[in-house]
Protein backbone atom coordinates (compact mmCIF):
# COMPACT_ATOMS: atom_id res chain seq x y z
CA LEU A 1 65.21 -98.20 -106.87
CA ALA A 2 69.00 -98.25 -106.46
CA LEU A 3 70.67 -99.43 -103.24
CA ARG A 4 74.27 -98.83 -102.23
CA ARG A 5 74.94 -102.54 -102.59
CA ALA A 6 72.95 -105.67 -103.34
CA PRO A 7 71.02 -106.49 -100.16
CA PHE A 8 71.69 -109.63 -98.33
CA PHE A 9 68.13 -110.76 -98.94
CA ALA A 10 68.08 -109.91 -102.66
CA LEU A 11 68.25 -113.63 -103.61
CA PRO A 12 66.19 -116.53 -102.33
CA PRO A 13 67.86 -118.89 -99.85
CA ALA A 14 68.35 -121.56 -102.54
CA SER A 15 70.71 -119.36 -104.50
CA ARG A 16 73.20 -118.73 -101.72
CA GLY A 17 75.39 -121.75 -102.51
CA PRO A 18 75.67 -125.19 -100.92
CA SER A 19 74.08 -125.48 -97.55
CA HIS A 20 76.47 -125.78 -94.71
CA PRO A 21 76.27 -124.43 -91.25
CA PRO A 22 77.78 -120.92 -91.11
CA SER A 23 80.33 -120.12 -88.55
CA GLU A 24 79.49 -117.83 -85.69
CA ARG A 25 81.59 -115.08 -87.24
CA GLU A 26 79.83 -115.43 -90.60
CA ALA A 27 76.44 -115.42 -88.90
CA GLN A 28 77.31 -112.18 -87.03
CA HIS A 29 78.57 -110.58 -90.25
CA SER A 30 75.41 -111.64 -92.09
CA GLU A 31 73.20 -110.16 -89.39
CA ARG A 32 75.07 -106.84 -89.51
CA MET A 33 74.73 -106.64 -93.30
CA GLN A 34 71.04 -107.50 -93.15
CA ALA A 35 70.43 -104.86 -90.48
CA ALA A 36 72.25 -102.23 -92.57
CA ASP A 37 70.26 -103.18 -95.66
CA LEU A 38 66.99 -103.01 -93.76
CA GLU A 39 67.86 -99.53 -92.48
CA LEU A 40 68.69 -98.38 -96.01
CA VAL A 41 65.38 -99.76 -97.28
CA ARG A 42 63.52 -97.96 -94.48
CA THR A 43 65.20 -94.67 -95.44
CA VAL A 44 64.34 -95.09 -99.11
CA VAL A 45 60.72 -96.07 -98.43
CA GLN A 46 60.27 -93.11 -96.06
CA SER A 47 61.39 -90.79 -98.83
CA LEU A 48 58.82 -92.07 -101.36
CA GLU A 49 56.08 -89.42 -101.28
CA ALA A 50 53.92 -91.40 -103.73
CA PHE A 51 53.79 -94.35 -101.35
CA PRO A 52 50.48 -94.14 -99.40
CA SER A 53 51.07 -93.62 -95.68
CA ASP A 54 49.04 -96.68 -94.59
CA ALA A 55 50.84 -98.91 -97.05
CA ARG A 56 54.18 -97.41 -96.05
CA LYS A 57 53.50 -98.09 -92.39
CA ALA A 58 52.42 -101.69 -93.03
CA PHE A 59 55.39 -102.24 -95.30
CA LEU A 60 57.92 -100.93 -92.75
CA GLU A 61 56.36 -102.89 -89.91
CA GLY A 62 56.54 -106.11 -91.91
CA LEU A 63 59.94 -105.41 -93.34
CA PRO A 64 62.06 -107.46 -90.86
CA ALA A 65 59.77 -110.46 -91.03
CA SER A 66 59.54 -110.28 -94.82
CA ALA A 67 63.29 -110.16 -95.18
CA ALA A 68 63.86 -113.00 -92.72
CA GLY A 69 60.99 -115.21 -93.81
CA THR A 70 61.19 -115.08 -97.58
CA GLY A 71 64.75 -114.21 -98.27
CA GLY A 72 63.78 -110.81 -99.65
CA ILE A 73 61.48 -111.92 -102.48
CA LEU A 74 58.36 -110.21 -101.13
CA LEU A 75 60.40 -107.19 -100.11
CA ALA A 76 61.88 -106.90 -103.59
CA ALA A 77 58.40 -107.16 -105.11
CA ALA A 78 57.08 -104.49 -102.77
CA LEU A 79 59.97 -102.22 -103.58
CA GLU A 80 59.37 -102.78 -107.28
CA ASP A 81 55.71 -101.77 -106.79
CA ALA A 82 56.82 -98.68 -104.90
CA ARG A 83 59.22 -97.85 -107.72
CA ALA A 84 56.42 -98.26 -110.28
CA VAL A 85 54.15 -96.00 -108.22
CA ALA A 86 56.92 -93.43 -107.98
CA GLU A 87 57.56 -93.57 -111.73
CA LYS A 88 53.85 -93.19 -112.46
CA SER A 89 53.68 -90.23 -110.10
CA CYS A 90 56.67 -88.70 -111.86
CA GLU A 91 55.01 -89.19 -115.23
CA GLU A 92 51.78 -87.67 -113.96
CA ALA A 93 53.70 -84.76 -112.46
CA THR A 94 55.54 -84.27 -115.75
CA ALA A 95 52.26 -84.32 -117.70
CA ALA A 96 50.71 -81.90 -115.23
CA ALA A 97 53.74 -79.63 -115.54
CA GLU A 98 53.49 -79.70 -119.34
CA ALA A 99 49.75 -78.93 -119.15
CA ALA A 100 50.51 -76.11 -116.73
CA ASP A 101 53.14 -74.75 -119.12
CA LYS A 102 50.61 -74.79 -121.98
CA GLU A 103 48.03 -73.07 -119.82
CA LEU A 104 50.66 -70.55 -118.78
CA ASP A 105 51.43 -69.90 -122.45
CA VAL A 106 47.73 -69.28 -123.08
CA VAL A 107 47.57 -66.93 -120.11
CA LYS A 108 50.70 -65.11 -121.28
CA ALA A 109 49.19 -64.73 -124.76
CA ALA A 110 45.98 -63.35 -123.23
CA VAL A 111 47.95 -60.96 -121.05
CA SER A 112 50.00 -59.86 -124.04
CA GLU A 113 46.82 -59.25 -126.05
CA ALA A 114 45.30 -57.32 -123.16
CA ASN A 115 48.45 -55.22 -122.83
CA ALA A 116 48.36 -54.52 -126.56
CA ALA A 117 44.73 -53.42 -126.26
CA VAL A 118 45.60 -51.18 -123.32
CA ASP A 119 48.51 -49.70 -125.27
CA ALA A 120 46.21 -49.09 -128.24
CA LYS A 121 43.61 -47.38 -126.04
CA SER A 122 46.33 -45.34 -124.38
CA GLY A 123 47.62 -44.34 -127.80
CA GLU A 124 44.13 -43.33 -128.86
CA ALA A 125 43.66 -41.33 -125.67
CA LEU A 126 46.99 -39.56 -126.16
CA ALA A 127 46.14 -38.88 -129.79
CA ALA A 128 42.75 -37.46 -128.78
CA GLU A 129 44.36 -35.33 -126.11
CA SER A 130 46.94 -34.08 -128.60
CA ALA A 131 44.21 -33.37 -131.16
CA GLY A 132 42.27 -31.46 -128.51
CA LYS A 133 45.28 -29.32 -127.72
CA VAL A 134 45.91 -28.66 -131.40
CA ALA A 135 42.24 -27.73 -131.92
CA ALA A 136 42.33 -25.40 -128.91
CA GLN A 137 45.48 -23.70 -130.17
CA GLU A 138 43.99 -23.37 -133.65
CA ALA A 139 40.78 -21.87 -132.25
CA LYS A 140 42.77 -19.43 -130.17
CA GLN A 141 44.89 -18.39 -133.16
CA ILE A 142 41.86 -17.87 -135.40
CA GLU A 143 40.08 -15.85 -132.73
CA LYS A 144 43.19 -13.72 -132.42
CA GLU A 145 43.29 -13.17 -136.18
CA HIS A 146 39.60 -12.27 -136.19
CA LYS A 147 40.03 -9.65 -133.49
CA SER A 148 43.15 -8.25 -135.13
CA THR A 149 41.45 -7.97 -138.52
CA GLU A 150 38.36 -6.46 -136.94
CA LYS A 151 40.48 -3.88 -135.17
CA THR A 152 42.46 -3.09 -138.34
CA THR A 153 39.43 -2.70 -140.59
CA LYS A 154 37.19 -0.97 -138.08
CA GLY A 155 38.50 2.47 -139.04
CA GLU A 156 37.95 1.83 -142.73
CA ILE A 157 34.48 0.38 -142.18
CA ASP A 158 33.49 3.38 -140.05
CA LYS A 159 34.88 5.69 -142.73
CA TRP A 160 32.87 3.96 -145.47
CA ALA A 161 29.73 4.15 -143.37
CA ALA A 162 30.30 7.88 -142.74
CA THR A 163 30.76 8.46 -146.50
CA ARG A 164 27.45 6.78 -147.26
CA GLU A 165 25.74 8.85 -144.59
CA GLU A 166 27.20 12.04 -146.08
CA ARG A 167 25.97 11.06 -149.53
CA THR A 168 22.46 10.73 -148.14
CA ARG A 169 22.79 14.10 -146.47
CA ALA A 170 24.24 15.74 -149.59
CA GLU A 171 21.31 14.48 -151.66
CA GLY A 172 18.83 15.93 -149.16
CA VAL A 173 20.55 19.32 -148.96
CA LEU A 174 20.80 19.60 -152.76
CA GLN A 175 17.11 18.79 -153.18
CA GLU A 176 16.30 21.44 -150.58
CA ALA A 177 18.34 24.12 -152.45
CA ARG A 178 16.72 23.20 -155.79
CA ARG A 179 13.23 23.69 -154.37
CA TRP A 180 14.04 27.32 -153.70
CA GLN A 181 14.14 27.96 -157.44
CA ASP A 182 10.46 27.06 -157.95
CA ALA A 183 9.04 28.18 -154.60
CA ASP A 184 6.39 30.92 -154.46
CA GLU A 185 7.78 32.21 -151.21
CA GLY A 186 11.22 32.70 -149.85
CA ALA A 187 13.02 29.81 -148.22
CA ALA A 188 12.22 29.02 -144.63
CA ASP A 189 14.82 29.78 -142.02
CA ALA A 190 15.28 26.09 -141.08
CA SER A 191 15.83 25.12 -144.68
CA VAL A 192 18.34 27.91 -145.23
CA GLU A 193 20.18 27.01 -142.02
CA ALA A 194 20.54 23.34 -143.05
CA VAL A 195 22.01 24.28 -146.43
CA GLN A 196 24.24 26.97 -144.98
CA ASP A 197 25.65 24.58 -142.32
CA TYR A 198 26.50 21.94 -144.90
CA LEU A 199 28.19 24.48 -147.18
CA HIS A 200 30.25 25.57 -144.23
CA GLU A 201 31.22 21.94 -143.48
CA ILE A 202 32.40 21.31 -147.03
CA GLU A 203 34.40 24.52 -146.87
CA ALA A 204 32.54 26.42 -149.58
CA GLU A 205 33.52 30.03 -150.22
CA LYS A 206 32.83 32.15 -147.20
CA VAL A 207 31.23 34.90 -149.33
CA LEU A 208 28.79 32.34 -150.71
CA VAL A 209 27.94 31.01 -147.25
CA ALA A 210 27.40 34.53 -145.90
CA ALA A 211 25.23 35.70 -148.83
CA LEU A 212 23.04 32.60 -148.95
CA PRO A 213 20.46 33.54 -146.25
CA GLY A 214 19.49 36.87 -147.92
CA ALA A 215 19.30 35.41 -151.42
CA ALA A 216 17.24 32.41 -150.34
CA ALA A 217 14.83 34.42 -148.17
CA ALA A 218 13.81 36.70 -151.06
CA LYS A 219 10.79 35.78 -153.11
CA PRO A 220 11.59 34.52 -156.58
CA GLU A 221 10.10 37.53 -158.36
CA THR A 222 12.06 39.98 -156.19
CA ARG A 223 15.44 38.29 -156.43
CA LYS A 224 18.18 40.37 -157.95
CA PRO A 225 20.87 38.98 -160.29
CA PHE A 226 23.26 38.68 -157.33
CA ASP A 227 20.68 36.62 -155.40
CA LYS A 228 20.20 34.31 -158.36
CA MET A 229 23.96 33.98 -158.80
CA VAL A 230 24.35 33.07 -155.10
CA LEU A 231 21.65 30.39 -155.29
CA GLU A 232 23.12 28.95 -158.50
CA ALA A 233 26.60 28.88 -156.95
CA ALA A 234 25.25 27.13 -153.85
CA GLU A 235 23.45 24.53 -155.94
CA SER A 236 26.56 23.98 -158.03
CA ALA A 237 28.74 23.51 -154.93
CA LEU A 238 26.27 21.06 -153.45
CA ALA A 239 26.01 19.05 -156.69
CA LYS A 240 29.76 18.87 -156.99
CA ARG A 241 30.09 17.61 -153.43
CA LEU A 242 27.38 14.99 -153.98
CA GLU A 243 29.21 13.76 -157.07
CA GLU A 244 32.47 13.47 -155.12
CA VAL A 245 30.86 11.60 -152.26
CA ASP A 246 28.95 9.29 -154.58
CA THR A 247 32.17 8.44 -156.43
CA ALA A 248 33.96 7.73 -153.15
CA VAL A 249 31.16 5.38 -152.04
CA LYS A 250 31.20 3.45 -155.33
CA GLU A 251 34.99 3.16 -155.35
CA ALA A 252 35.02 1.85 -151.77
CA GLU A 253 32.32 -0.77 -152.29
CA PRO A 254 34.62 -3.64 -153.50
CA ALA A 255 37.08 -3.13 -150.65
CA GLU A 256 34.24 -2.83 -148.18
CA ARG A 257 32.61 -6.05 -149.38
CA GLU A 258 35.94 -7.89 -149.22
CA ALA A 259 36.72 -6.63 -145.72
CA LYS A 260 33.28 -7.56 -144.41
CA ALA A 261 33.45 -10.98 -146.06
CA GLU A 262 36.85 -11.61 -144.46
CA LEU A 263 35.54 -10.60 -141.05
CA LEU A 264 32.48 -12.78 -141.47
CA GLY A 265 34.61 -15.75 -142.59
CA LEU A 266 37.00 -15.40 -139.68
CA TRP A 267 34.11 -15.10 -137.27
CA ALA A 268 32.45 -18.26 -138.65
CA LEU A 269 35.76 -20.14 -138.60
CA SER A 270 36.41 -19.08 -135.02
CA GLN A 271 33.00 -20.44 -134.01
CA VAL A 272 33.61 -23.78 -135.74
CA THR A 273 37.11 -24.25 -134.30
CA ALA A 274 35.91 -23.27 -130.82
CA GLU A 275 33.17 -25.91 -130.99
CA ALA A 276 35.66 -28.52 -132.28
CA ALA A 277 38.05 -27.70 -129.44
CA ALA A 278 35.24 -28.04 -126.89
CA GLU A 279 34.26 -31.45 -128.26
CA ALA A 280 37.86 -32.78 -128.46
């Protein structure tokens, strides 16, 4: 505890030099100095927060008597105790501050770790969202390709199907015309009409188409050379057409299989990507 000057009562009475009666002026000066020192001590003691209030009150109340009665020895001891208490309080406060700093460092580390975890989760969420968008775009693109391919190949697929249907029809018509050769009776009107219509569709000679009903309706034993020639020409035209259609079907089979496989693959892929986009 530092004072602005050494107090008048800092030394015991024996140390103040040879005893001789002070003059009135010296006595007044001594009293003024002692009063100033006492006031300074009061100010210092009041500012000591570590000094208990009850002890502070008792100390201040006994301060004048202590200074006058003992020459300042008890006062100096009390001040030294107060200084020790203040130093201990400062040490405790310093230790508490250091502990608080360590705890703050732990808290900061925990907060930093939590922020890192939040950032990681946010990154994962953004990545998932981005993946979902990519999957949705991919599904949309594949669906578009599937529809485009389906639209492009639809004409060809329909054409191949029509060719197979015609082959089946050509086989039936040819078999019908061949039966006329071995029949006991003339050909029925419905049978003749079916063959005649098909010959007309394949653009057979008009003379052949027109002569066919009369030649086919005649009984085999009554048929003239012209009738036989007409029936043979009809059968030949039908066989030739069947051969052409059958060749067209066989030639188209690889392309047809490839086109259907591509459509099936795109359809399956569109289903998978659509499900992936829905789950993302």
